[in-house]
Structures are given as structure tokens and as C-alpha cells.
PDB file of all heavy atoms in Angstrom:
ATOM      1  N   ILE A   1       0.849  -1.221   0.027  1.00  0.00           N
ATOM      2  CA  ILE A   1      -0.001  -0.016   0.035  1.00  0.00           C
ATOM      3  C   ILE A   1       0.873   1.240  -0.007  1.00  0.00           C
ATOM      4  O   ILE A   1       0.486   2.281  -0.581  1.00  0.00           O
ATOM      5  CB  ILE A   1      -0.985  -0.012   1.151  1.00  0.00           C
ATOM      6  CG1 ILE A   1      -2.003   1.116   1.114  1.00  0.00           C
ATOM      7  CG2 ILE A   1      -0.205   0.113   2.506  1.00  0.00           C
ATOM      8  CD1 ILE A   1      -3.119   1.040   2.089  1.00  0.00           C
ATOM      9  N   PHE A   2       2.027   1.210   0.647  1.00  0.00           N
ATOM     10  CA  PHE A   2       2.877   2.391   0.654  1.00  0.00           C
ATOM     11  C   PHE A   2       3.377   2.720  -0.709  1.00  0.00           C
ATOM     12  O   PHE A   2       3.544   3.894  -1.092  1.00  0.00           O
ATOM     13  CB  PHE A   2       4.097   2.180   1.633  1.00  0.00           C
ATOM     14  CG  PHE A   2       3.603   1.937   3.069  1.00  0.00           C
ATOM     15  CD1 PHE A   2       3.448   0.701   3.592  1.00  0.00           C
ATOM     16  CD2 PHE A   2       3.246   3.047   3.840  1.00  0.00           C
ATOM     17  CE1 PHE A   2       3.029   0.540   4.915  1.00  0.00           C
ATOM     18  CE2 PHE A   2       2.822   2.886   5.198  1.00  0.00           C
ATOM     19  CZ  PHE A   2       2.711   1.685   5.687  1.00  0.00           C
ATOM     20  N   TYR A   3       3.718   1.719  -1.537  1.00  0.00           N
ATOM     21  CA  TYR A   3       4.144   1.927  -2.879  1.00  0.00           C
ATOM     22  C   TYR A   3       2.931   2.488  -3.776  1.00  0.00           C
ATOM     23  O   TYR A   3       3.177   3.308  -4.650  1.00  0.00           O
ATOM     24  CB  TYR A   3       4.741   0.651  -3.548  1.00  0.00           C
ATOM     25  CG  TYR A   3       5.916   0.124  -2.736  1.00  0.00           C
ATOM     26  CD1 TYR A   3       5.744  -0.964  -1.855  1.00  0.00           C
ATOM     27  CD2 TYR A   3       7.129   0.723  -2.799  1.00  0.00           C
ATOM     28  CE1 TYR A   3       6.788  -1.477  -1.106  1.00  0.00           C
ATOM     29  CE2 TYR A   3       8.168   0.200  -2.095  1.00  0.00           C
ATOM     30  CZ  TYR A   3       8.045  -0.872  -1.223  1.00  0.00           C
ATOM     31  OH  TYR A   3       9.069  -1.296  -0.480  1.00  0.00           O
ATOM     32  N   VAL A   4       1.774   2.016  -3.523  1.00  0.00           N
ATOM     33  CA  VAL A   4       0.632   2.492  -4.262  1.00  0.00           C
ATOM     34  C   VAL A   4       0.365   3.933  -3.920  1.00  0.00           C
ATOM     35  O   VAL A   4       0.195   4.799  -4.871  1.00  0.00           O
ATOM     36  CB  VAL A   4      -0.623   1.662  -3.881  1.00  0.00           C
ATOM     37  CG1 VAL A   4      -1.885   2.298  -4.501  1.00  0.00           C
ATOM     38  CG2 VAL A   4      -0.455   0.219  -4.360  1.00  0.00           C
ATOM     39  N   ILE A   5       0.499   4.336  -2.604  1.00  0.00           N
ATOM     40  CA  ILE A   5       0.289   5.732  -2.244  1.00  0.00           C
ATOM     41  C   ILE A   5       1.300   6.630  -2.821  1.00  0.00           C
ATOM     42  O   ILE A   5       1.073   7.721  -3.357  1.00  0.00           O
ATOM     43  CB  ILE A   5       0.352   5.816  -0.668  1.00  0.00           C
ATOM     44  CG1 ILE A   5      -0.984   5.141  -0.078  1.00  0.00           C
ATOM     45  CG2 ILE A   5       0.412   7.230  -0.256  1.00  0.00           C
ATOM     46  CD1 ILE A   5      -0.920   5.004   1.391  1.00  0.00           C
ATOM     47  N   ASP A   6       2.570   6.080  -2.879  1.00  0.00           N
ATOM     48  CA  ASP A   6       3.645   6.864  -3.459  1.00  0.00           C
ATOM     49  C   ASP A   6       3.347   7.117  -4.947  1.00  0.00           C
ATOM     50  O   ASP A   6       3.602   8.190  -5.455  1.00  0.00           O
ATOM     51  CB  ASP A   6       4.976   6.092  -3.284  1.00  0.00           C
ATOM     52  CG  ASP A   6       6.165   6.895  -3.840  1.00  0.00           C
ATOM     53  OD1 ASP A   6       6.452   8.057  -3.382  1.00  0.00           O
ATOM     54  OD2 ASP A   6       6.847   6.378  -4.775  1.00  0.00           O
ATOM     55  N   THR A   7       2.912   6.110  -5.604  1.00  0.00           N
ATOM     56  CA  THR A   7       2.586   6.253  -7.062  1.00  0.00           C
ATOM     57  C   THR A   7       1.447   7.253  -7.256  1.00  0.00           C
ATOM     58  O   THR A   7       1.520   8.122  -8.206  1.00  0.00           O
ATOM     59  CB  THR A   7       2.146   4.867  -7.684  1.00  0.00           C
ATOM     60  OG1 THR A   7       3.224   3.972  -7.539  1.00  0.00           O
ATOM     61  CG2 THR A   7       1.828   4.988  -9.140  1.00  0.00           C
ATOM     62  N   ILE A   8       0.440   7.185  -6.435  1.00  0.00           N
ATOM     63  CA  ILE A   8      -0.713   8.205  -6.522  1.00  0.00           C
ATOM     64  C   ILE A   8      -0.126   9.575  -6.386  1.00  0.00           C
ATOM     65  O   ILE A   8      -0.528  10.513  -7.181  1.00  0.00           O
ATOM     66  CB  ILE A   8      -1.758   7.833  -5.447  1.00  0.00           C
ATOM     67  CG1 ILE A   8      -2.425   6.543  -5.746  1.00  0.00           C
ATOM     68  CG2 ILE A   8      -2.789   8.938  -5.331  1.00  0.00           C
ATOM     69  CD1 ILE A   8      -3.321   6.040  -4.641  1.00  0.00           C
ATOM     70  N   TYR A   9       0.661   9.835  -5.384  1.00  0.00           N
ATOM     71  CA  TYR A   9       1.114  11.196  -5.137  1.00  0.00           C
ATOM     72  C   TYR A   9       2.060  11.701  -6.251  1.00  0.00           C
ATOM     73  O   TYR A   9       1.975  12.887  -6.668  1.00  0.00           O
ATOM     74  CB  TYR A   9       1.840  11.282  -3.827  1.00  0.00           C
ATOM     75  CG  TYR A   9       0.931  11.420  -2.603  1.00  0.00           C
ATOM     76  CD1 TYR A   9       0.944  10.620  -1.518  1.00  0.00           C
ATOM     77  CD2 TYR A   9      -0.065  12.495  -2.596  1.00  0.00           C
ATOM     78  CE1 TYR A   9       0.206  10.814  -0.423  1.00  0.00           C
ATOM     79  CE2 TYR A   9      -0.895  12.631  -1.562  1.00  0.00           C
ATOM     80  CZ  TYR A   9      -0.755  11.793  -0.440  1.00  0.00           C
ATOM     81  OH  TYR A   9      -1.623  11.907   0.620  1.00  0.00           O
ATOM     82  N   ARG A  10       2.841  10.763  -6.793  1.00  0.00           N
ATOM     83  CA  ARG A  10       3.704  11.082  -7.869  1.00  0.00           C
ATOM     84  C   ARG A  10       2.917  11.436  -9.172  1.00  0.00           C
ATOM     85  O   ARG A  10       3.270  12.402  -9.861  1.00  0.00           O
ATOM     86  CB  ARG A  10       4.665   9.909  -8.246  1.00  0.00           C
ATOM     87  CG  ARG A  10       5.833  10.237  -9.134  1.00  0.00           C
ATOM     88  CD  ARG A  10       6.841   9.184  -9.190  1.00  0.00           C
ATOM     89  NE  ARG A  10       6.380   7.914  -9.763  1.00  0.00           N
ATOM     90  CZ  ARG A  10       6.196   6.877  -9.033  1.00  0.00           C
ATOM     91  NH1 ARG A  10       6.447   6.815  -7.728  1.00  0.00           N
ATOM     92  NH2 ARG A  10       5.700   5.725  -9.546  1.00  0.00           N
ATOM     93  N   CYS A  11       1.825  10.737  -9.454  1.00  0.00           N
ATOM     94  CA  CYS A  11       0.955  11.015 -10.563  1.00  0.00           C
ATOM     95  C   CYS A  11       0.263  12.387 -10.394  1.00  0.00           C
ATOM     96  O   CYS A  11       0.157  13.169 -11.407  1.00  0.00           O
ATOM     97  CB  CYS A  11      -0.074  10.003 -10.719  1.00  0.00           C
ATOM     98  SG  CYS A  11       0.515   8.334 -11.293  1.00  0.00           S
ATOM     99  N   ILE A  12      -0.136  12.718  -9.171  1.00  0.00           N
ATOM    100  CA  ILE A  12      -0.800  13.960  -8.892  1.00  0.00           C
ATOM    101  C   ILE A  12       0.302  15.134  -9.095  1.00  0.00           C
ATOM    102  O   ILE A  12       0.050  16.183  -9.783  1.00  0.00           O
ATOM    103  CB  ILE A  12      -1.328  14.018  -7.466  1.00  0.00           C
ATOM    104  CG1 ILE A  12      -2.508  13.067  -7.360  1.00  0.00           C
ATOM    105  CG2 ILE A  12      -1.753  15.457  -7.064  1.00  0.00           C
ATOM    106  CD1 ILE A  12      -3.042  12.906  -5.977  1.00  0.00           C
ATOM    107  N   ASP A  13       1.449  14.966  -8.520  1.00  0.00           N
ATOM    108  CA  ASP A  13       2.566  15.960  -8.701  1.00  0.00           C
ATOM    109  C   ASP A  13       2.935  16.189 -10.100  1.00  0.00           C
ATOM    110  O   ASP A  13       3.188  17.295 -10.544  1.00  0.00           O
ATOM    111  CB  ASP A  13       3.807  15.551  -7.872  1.00  0.00           C
ATOM    112  CG  ASP A  13       3.528  15.643  -6.388  1.00  0.00           C
ATOM    113  OD1 ASP A  13       2.556  16.284  -5.987  1.00  0.00           O
ATOM    114  OD2 ASP A  13       4.308  14.921  -5.640  1.00  0.00           O
ATOM    115  N   ASN A  14       2.986  15.077 -10.909  1.00  0.00           N
ATOM    116  CA  ASN A  14       3.438  15.141 -12.324  1.00  0.00           C
ATOM    117  C   ASN A  14       2.291  15.366 -13.284  1.00  0.00           C
ATOM    118  O   ASN A  14       2.365  15.399 -14.499  1.00  0.00           O
ATOM    119  CB  ASN A  14       4.179  13.909 -12.704  1.00  0.00           C
ATOM    120  CG  ASN A  14       5.395  13.628 -11.902  1.00  0.00           C
ATOM    121  OD1 ASN A  14       6.024  14.651 -11.416  1.00  0.00           O
ATOM    122  ND2 ASN A  14       5.820  12.438 -11.790  1.00  0.00           N
ATOM    123  N   ASN A  15       0.978  15.471 -12.729  1.00  0.00           N
ATOM    124  CA  ASN A  15      -0.166  15.674 -13.511  1.00  0.00           C
ATOM    125  C   ASN A  15      -0.371  14.600 -14.621  1.00  0.00           C
ATOM    126  O   ASN A  15      -0.618  14.774 -15.812  1.00  0.00           O
ATOM    127  CB  ASN A  15      -0.163  17.014 -14.224  1.00  0.00           C
ATOM    128  CG  ASN A  15      -1.489  17.424 -14.854  1.00  0.00           C
ATOM    129  OD1 ASN A  15      -2.593  17.038 -14.276  1.00  0.00           O
ATOM    130  ND2 ASN A  15      -1.506  18.032 -15.951  1.00  0.00           N
ATOM    131  N   LYS A  16      -0.215  13.271 -14.134  1.00  0.00           N
ATOM    132  CA  LYS A  16      -0.277  12.174 -15.036  1.00  0.00           C
ATOM    133  C   LYS A  16      -1.409  11.211 -14.588  1.00  0.00           C
ATOM    134  O   LYS A  16      -1.753  11.177 -13.415  1.00  0.00           O
ATOM    135  CB  LYS A  16       1.017  11.357 -15.088  1.00  0.00           C
ATOM    136  CG  LYS A  16       2.196  12.174 -15.540  1.00  0.00           C
ATOM    137  CD  LYS A  16       2.097  12.681 -17.035  1.00  0.00           C
ATOM    138  CE  LYS A  16       3.276  13.415 -17.508  1.00  0.00           C
ATOM    139  NZ  LYS A  16       3.147  13.899 -18.848  1.00  0.00           N
ATOM    140  N   LYS A  17      -1.930  10.454 -15.628  1.00  0.00           N
ATOM    141  CA  LYS A  17      -2.916   9.425 -15.283  1.00  0.00           C
ATOM    142  C   LYS A  17      -2.202   8.186 -14.694  1.00  0.00           C
ATOM    143  O   LYS A  17      -0.935   8.181 -14.694  1.00  0.00           O
ATOM    144  CB  LYS A  17      -3.577   8.974 -16.510  1.00  0.00           C
ATOM    145  CG  LYS A  17      -4.620  10.059 -17.085  1.00  0.00           C
ATOM    146  CD  LYS A  17      -5.333   9.460 -18.326  1.00  0.00           C
ATOM    147  CE  LYS A  17      -6.271  10.569 -18.912  1.00  0.00           C
ATOM    148  NZ  LYS A  17      -6.991  10.028 -20.078  1.00  0.00           N
ATOM    149  N   MET A  18      -2.994   7.244 -14.149  1.00  0.00           N
ATOM    150  CA  MET A  18      -2.349   6.037 -13.610  1.00  0.00           C
ATOM    151  C   MET A  18      -3.280   4.879 -13.929  1.00  0.00           C
ATOM    152  O   MET A  18      -4.453   5.067 -14.198  1.00  0.00           O
ATOM    153  CB  MET A  18      -2.137   6.174 -12.133  1.00  0.00           C
ATOM    154  CG  MET A  18      -3.521   6.270 -11.292  1.00  0.00           C
ATOM    155  SD  MET A  18      -3.164   6.359  -9.489  1.00  0.00           S
ATOM    156  CE  MET A  18      -2.480   4.719  -9.191  1.00  0.00           C
ATOM    157  N   ASN A  19      -2.742   3.723 -13.822  1.00  0.00           N
ATOM    158  CA  ASN A  19      -3.580   2.576 -13.908  1.00  0.00           C
ATOM    159  C   ASN A  19      -3.177   1.554 -12.756  1.00  0.00           C
ATOM    160  O   ASN A  19      -2.120   1.693 -12.165  1.00  0.00           O
ATOM    161  CB  ASN A  19      -3.563   1.819 -15.289  1.00  0.00           C
ATOM    162  CG  ASN A  19      -2.230   1.280 -15.676  1.00  0.00           C
ATOM    163  OD1 ASN A  19      -1.344   1.016 -14.848  1.00  0.00           O
ATOM    164  ND2 ASN A  19      -2.006   1.098 -16.988  1.00  0.00           N
ATOM    165  N   PHE A  20      -4.120   0.627 -12.492  1.00  0.00           N
ATOM    166  CA  PHE A  20      -3.859  -0.313 -11.417  1.00  0.00           C
ATOM    167  C   PHE A  20      -4.880  -1.465 -11.546  1.00  0.00           C
ATOM    168  O   PHE A  20      -5.825  -1.282 -12.274  1.00  0.00           O
ATOM    169  CB  PHE A  20      -4.100   0.360 -10.023  1.00  0.00           C
ATOM    170  CG  PHE A  20      -5.375   1.093  -9.910  1.00  0.00           C
ATOM    171  CD1 PHE A  20      -6.523   0.392  -9.377  1.00  0.00           C
ATOM    172  CD2 PHE A  20      -5.603   2.386 -10.301  1.00  0.00           C
ATOM    173  CE1 PHE A  20      -7.749   1.020  -9.222  1.00  0.00           C
ATOM    174  CE2 PHE A  20      -6.788   3.058 -10.132  1.00  0.00           C
ATOM    175  CZ  PHE A  20      -7.861   2.341  -9.654  1.00  0.00           C
ATOM    176  N   LYS A  21      -4.608  -2.593 -10.802  1.00  0.00           N
ATOM    177  CA  LYS A  21      -5.574  -3.639 -10.816  1.00  0.00           C
ATOM    178  C   LYS A  21      -6.365  -3.530  -9.421  1.00  0.00           C
ATOM    179  O   LYS A  21      -5.703  -3.060  -8.424  1.00  0.00           O
ATOM    180  CB  LYS A  21      -4.853  -4.997 -10.797  1.00  0.00           C
ATOM    181  CG  LYS A  21      -4.187  -5.207 -12.161  1.00  0.00           C
ATOM    182  CD  LYS A  21      -3.460  -6.598 -12.195  1.00  0.00           C
ATOM    183  CE  LYS A  21      -2.878  -6.866 -13.538  1.00  0.00           C
ATOM    184  NZ  LYS A  21      -2.191  -8.158 -13.611  1.00  0.00           N
ATOM    185  N   TYR A  22      -7.607  -3.911  -9.485  1.00  0.00           N
ATOM    186  CA  TYR A  22      -8.472  -3.730  -8.330  1.00  0.00           C
ATOM    187  C   TYR A  22      -9.138  -5.012  -8.017  1.00  0.00           C
ATOM    188  O   TYR A  22      -9.610  -5.731  -8.917  1.00  0.00           O
ATOM    189  CB  TYR A  22      -9.511  -2.648  -8.663  1.00  0.00           C
ATOM    190  CG  TYR A  22     -10.167  -2.004  -7.462  1.00  0.00           C
ATOM    191  CD1 TYR A  22      -9.444  -1.350  -6.475  1.00  0.00           C
ATOM    192  CD2 TYR A  22     -11.535  -1.990  -7.384  1.00  0.00           C
ATOM    193  CE1 TYR A  22     -10.062  -0.808  -5.421  1.00  0.00           C
ATOM    194  CE2 TYR A  22     -12.176  -1.330  -6.278  1.00  0.00           C
ATOM    195  CZ  TYR A  22     -11.409  -0.754  -5.314  1.00  0.00           C
ATOM    196  OH  TYR A  22     -11.943  -0.176  -4.238  1.00  0.00           O
ATOM    197  N   TYR A  23      -9.209  -5.433  -6.729  1.00  0.00           N
ATOM    198  CA  TYR A  23      -9.713  -6.740  -6.399  1.00  0.00           C
ATOM    199  C   TYR A  23     -10.540  -6.703  -5.178  1.00  0.00           C
ATOM    200  O   TYR A  23     -10.668  -5.637  -4.406  1.00  0.00           O
ATOM    201  CB  TYR A  23      -8.570  -7.651  -6.076  1.00  0.00           C
ATOM    202  CG  TYR A  23      -7.699  -7.427  -4.849  1.00  0.00           C
ATOM    203  CD1 TYR A  23      -8.072  -7.952  -3.650  1.00  0.00           C
ATOM    204  CD2 TYR A  23      -6.603  -6.614  -4.934  1.00  0.00           C
ATOM    205  CE1 TYR A  23      -7.344  -7.684  -2.461  1.00  0.00           C
ATOM    206  CE2 TYR A  23      -5.843  -6.317  -3.760  1.00  0.00           C
ATOM    207  CZ  TYR A  23      -6.201  -6.933  -2.592  1.00  0.00           C
ATOM    208  OH  TYR A  23      -5.490  -6.682  -1.410  1.00  0.00           O
ATOM    209  N   LYS A  24     -11.259  -7.792  -4.878  1.00  0.00           N
ATOM    210  CA  LYS A  24     -11.979  -8.044  -3.677  1.00  0.00           C
ATOM    211  C   LYS A  24     -11.721  -9.484  -3.243  1.00  0.00           C
ATOM    212  O   LYS A  24     -11.178 -10.244  -4.017  1.00  0.00           O
ATOM    213  CB  LYS A  24     -13.487  -7.845  -3.877  1.00  0.00           C
ATOM    214  CG  LYS A  24     -14.224  -8.795  -4.842  1.00  0.00           C
ATOM    215  CD  LYS A  24     -15.627  -8.625  -4.962  1.00  0.00           C
ATOM    216  CE  LYS A  24     -16.241  -9.717  -5.890  1.00  0.00           C
ATOM    217  NZ  LYS A  24     -17.760  -9.474  -5.990  1.00  0.00           N
ATOM    218  N   TRP A  25     -12.044  -9.814  -2.035  1.00  0.00           N
ATOM    219  CA  TRP A  25     -11.880 -11.149  -1.526  1.00  0.00           C
ATOM    220  C   TRP A  25     -13.109 -12.024  -1.806  1.00  0.00           C
ATOM    221  O   TRP A  25     -14.262 -11.535  -1.645  1.00  0.00           O
ATOM    222  CB  TRP A  25     -11.669 -11.190  -0.020  1.00  0.00           C
ATOM    223  CG  TRP A  25     -10.384 -10.525   0.391  1.00  0.00           C
ATOM    224  CD1 TRP A  25     -10.171  -9.302   0.982  1.00  0.00           C
ATOM    225  CD2 TRP A  25      -9.065 -11.002   0.146  1.00  0.00           C
ATOM    226  NE1 TRP A  25      -8.955  -8.992   1.159  1.00  0.00           N
ATOM    227  CE2 TRP A  25      -8.158 -10.042   0.717  1.00  0.00           C
ATOM    228  CE3 TRP A  25      -8.491 -12.180  -0.411  1.00  0.00           C
ATOM    229  CZ2 TRP A  25      -6.794 -10.209   0.765  1.00  0.00           C
ATOM    230  CZ3 TRP A  25      -7.129 -12.305  -0.382  1.00  0.00           C
ATOM    231  CH2 TRP A  25      -6.270 -11.325   0.149  1.00  0.00           C
ATOM    232  N   ASN A  26     -12.962 -13.226  -2.300  1.00  0.00           N
ATOM    233  CA  ASN A  26     -14.104 -14.075  -2.592  1.00  0.00           C
ATOM    234  C   ASN A  26     -14.278 -15.095  -1.383  1.00  0.00           C
ATOM    235  O   ASN A  26     -13.557 -15.019  -0.448  1.00  0.00           O
ATOM    236  CB  ASN A  26     -13.951 -14.828  -3.942  1.00  0.00           C
ATOM    237  CG  ASN A  26     -12.665 -15.785  -3.995  1.00  0.00           C
ATOM    238  OD1 ASN A  26     -12.175 -16.180  -2.945  1.00  0.00           O
ATOM    239  ND2 ASN A  26     -12.316 -16.136  -5.170  1.00  0.00           N
ATOM    240  N   GLU A  27     -15.233 -16.023  -1.548  1.00  0.00           N
ATOM    241  CA  GLU A  27     -15.570 -16.957  -0.531  1.00  0.00           C
ATOM    242  C   GLU A  27     -14.423 -17.981  -0.254  1.00  0.00           C
ATOM    243  O   GLU A  27     -14.420 -18.527   0.864  1.00  0.00           O
ATOM    244  CB  GLU A  27     -16.838 -17.754  -0.954  1.00  0.00           C
ATOM    245  CG  GLU A  27     -16.680 -18.771  -2.016  1.00  0.00           C
ATOM    246  CD  GLU A  27     -16.613 -18.226  -3.385  1.00  0.00           C
ATOM    247  OE1 GLU A  27     -16.712 -16.922  -3.571  1.00  0.00           O
ATOM    248  OE2 GLU A  27     -16.447 -18.956  -4.365  1.00  0.00           O
ATOM    249  N   LYS A  28     -13.436 -18.083  -1.097  1.00  0.00           N
ATOM    250  CA  LYS A  28     -12.297 -18.923  -0.915  1.00  0.00           C
ATOM    251  C   LYS A  28     -11.112 -18.154  -0.240  1.00  0.00           C
ATOM    252  O   LYS A  28     -10.046 -18.701  -0.146  1.00  0.00           O
ATOM    253  CB  LYS A  28     -11.854 -19.531  -2.243  1.00  0.00           C
ATOM    254  CG  LYS A  28     -12.920 -20.480  -2.854  1.00  0.00           C
ATOM    255  CD  LYS A  28     -12.417 -21.058  -4.159  1.00  0.00           C
ATOM    256  CE  LYS A  28     -13.445 -21.940  -4.837  1.00  0.00           C
ATOM    257  NZ  LYS A  28     -12.911 -22.387  -6.139  1.00  0.00           N
ATOM    258  N   LYS A  29     -11.388 -16.925   0.111  1.00  0.00           N
ATOM    259  CA  LYS A  29     -10.391 -16.054   0.661  1.00  0.00           C
ATOM    260  C   LYS A  29      -9.269 -15.786  -0.354  1.00  0.00           C
ATOM    261  O   LYS A  29      -8.116 -15.616  -0.017  1.00  0.00           O
ATOM    262  CB  LYS A  29      -9.770 -16.615   1.948  1.00  0.00           C
ATOM    263  CG  LYS A  29     -10.802 -16.832   3.067  1.00  0.00           C
ATOM    264  CD  LYS A  29     -10.229 -17.302   4.407  1.00  0.00           C
ATOM    265  CE  LYS A  29     -11.217 -17.576   5.451  1.00  0.00           C
ATOM    266  NZ  LYS A  29     -10.624 -18.171   6.706  1.00  0.00           N
ATOM    267  N   GLU A  30      -9.675 -15.751  -1.582  1.00  0.00           N
ATOM    268  CA  GLU A  30      -8.732 -15.518  -2.680  1.00  0.00           C
ATOM    269  C   GLU A  30      -9.075 -14.159  -3.329  1.00  0.00           C
ATOM    270  O   GLU A  30     -10.196 -13.664  -3.284  1.00  0.00           O
ATOM    271  CB  GLU A  30      -8.790 -16.528  -3.755  1.00  0.00           C
ATOM    272  CG  GLU A  30      -8.425 -17.980  -3.224  1.00  0.00           C
ATOM    273  CD  GLU A  30      -8.761 -19.028  -4.265  1.00  0.00           C
ATOM    274  OE1 GLU A  30      -9.510 -18.742  -5.175  1.00  0.00           O
ATOM    275  OE2 GLU A  30      -8.152 -20.138  -4.188  1.00  0.00           O
ATOM    276  N   LYS A  31      -8.073 -13.556  -3.917  1.00  0.00           N
ATOM    277  CA  LYS A  31      -8.278 -12.256  -4.574  1.00  0.00           C
ATOM    278  C   LYS A  31      -9.041 -12.514  -5.866  1.00  0.00           C
ATOM    279  O   LYS A  31      -8.683 -13.342  -6.721  1.00  0.00           O
ATOM    280  CB  LYS A  31      -6.946 -11.579  -4.898  1.00  0.00           C
ATOM    281  CG  LYS A  31      -6.176 -11.112  -3.645  1.00  0.00           C
ATOM    282  CD  LYS A  31      -4.892 -10.409  -4.057  1.00  0.00           C
ATOM    283  CE  LYS A  31      -4.069 -10.036  -2.812  1.00  0.00           C
ATOM    284  NZ  LYS A  31      -2.782  -9.437  -3.136  1.00  0.00           N
ATOM    285  N   GLU A  32     -10.125 -11.662  -6.056  1.00  0.00           N
ATOM    286  CA  GLU A  32     -10.871 -11.776  -7.285  1.00  0.00           C
ATOM    287  C   GLU A  32     -10.783 -10.380  -7.908  1.00  0.00           C
ATOM    288  O   GLU A  32     -11.354  -9.409  -7.432  1.00  0.00           O
ATOM    289  CB  GLU A  32     -12.325 -12.041  -6.942  1.00  0.00           C
ATOM    290  CG  GLU A  32     -13.221 -12.398  -8.102  1.00  0.00           C
ATOM    291  CD  GLU A  32     -14.544 -12.849  -7.706  1.00  0.00           C
ATOM    292  OE1 GLU A  32     -14.744 -14.002  -7.179  1.00  0.00           O
ATOM    293  OE2 GLU A  32     -15.517 -12.045  -7.874  1.00  0.00           O
ATOM    294  N   TYR A  33     -10.135 -10.331  -9.099  1.00  0.00           N
ATOM    295  CA  TYR A  33      -9.887  -9.007  -9.772  1.00  0.00           C
ATOM    296  C   TYR A  33     -11.043  -8.566 -10.561  1.00  0.00           C
ATOM    297  O   TYR A  33     -11.693  -9.388 -11.240  1.00  0.00           O
ATOM    298  CB  TYR A  33      -8.638  -9.112 -10.644  1.00  0.00           C
ATOM    299  CG  TYR A  33      -7.371  -9.355  -9.838  1.00  0.00           C
ATOM    300  CD1 TYR A  33      -6.836 -10.596  -9.531  1.00  0.00           C
ATOM    301  CD2 TYR A  33      -6.693  -8.190  -9.367  1.00  0.00           C
ATOM    302  CE1 TYR A  33      -5.767 -10.765  -8.755  1.00  0.00           C
ATOM    303  CE2 TYR A  33      -5.516  -8.354  -8.660  1.00  0.00           C
ATOM    304  CZ  TYR A  33      -5.031  -9.661  -8.300  1.00  0.00           C
ATOM    305  OH  TYR A  33      -3.924  -9.839  -7.548  1.00  0.00           O
TER     306      TYR A  33
END
């Protein structure tokens, strides 16, 4: 999360877009993207 936050702030400072993968936890306690 600290690297994600750093990327967010860097994009804001540099006025750039960003991309990322987004997930939730499923019933098997696995990441579901």
C-alpha cells in the first residue's frame, strides 16, 4: 500500500494518469480481480 500511495502522489505531482488492478476477496479467501 505504501508503494501504491507513493505512485498516486507522484501522478498528482506530475499531472499524469495512472492505472492499477483492483480486487475483492471471494468466498475462498482469494483475490478476485
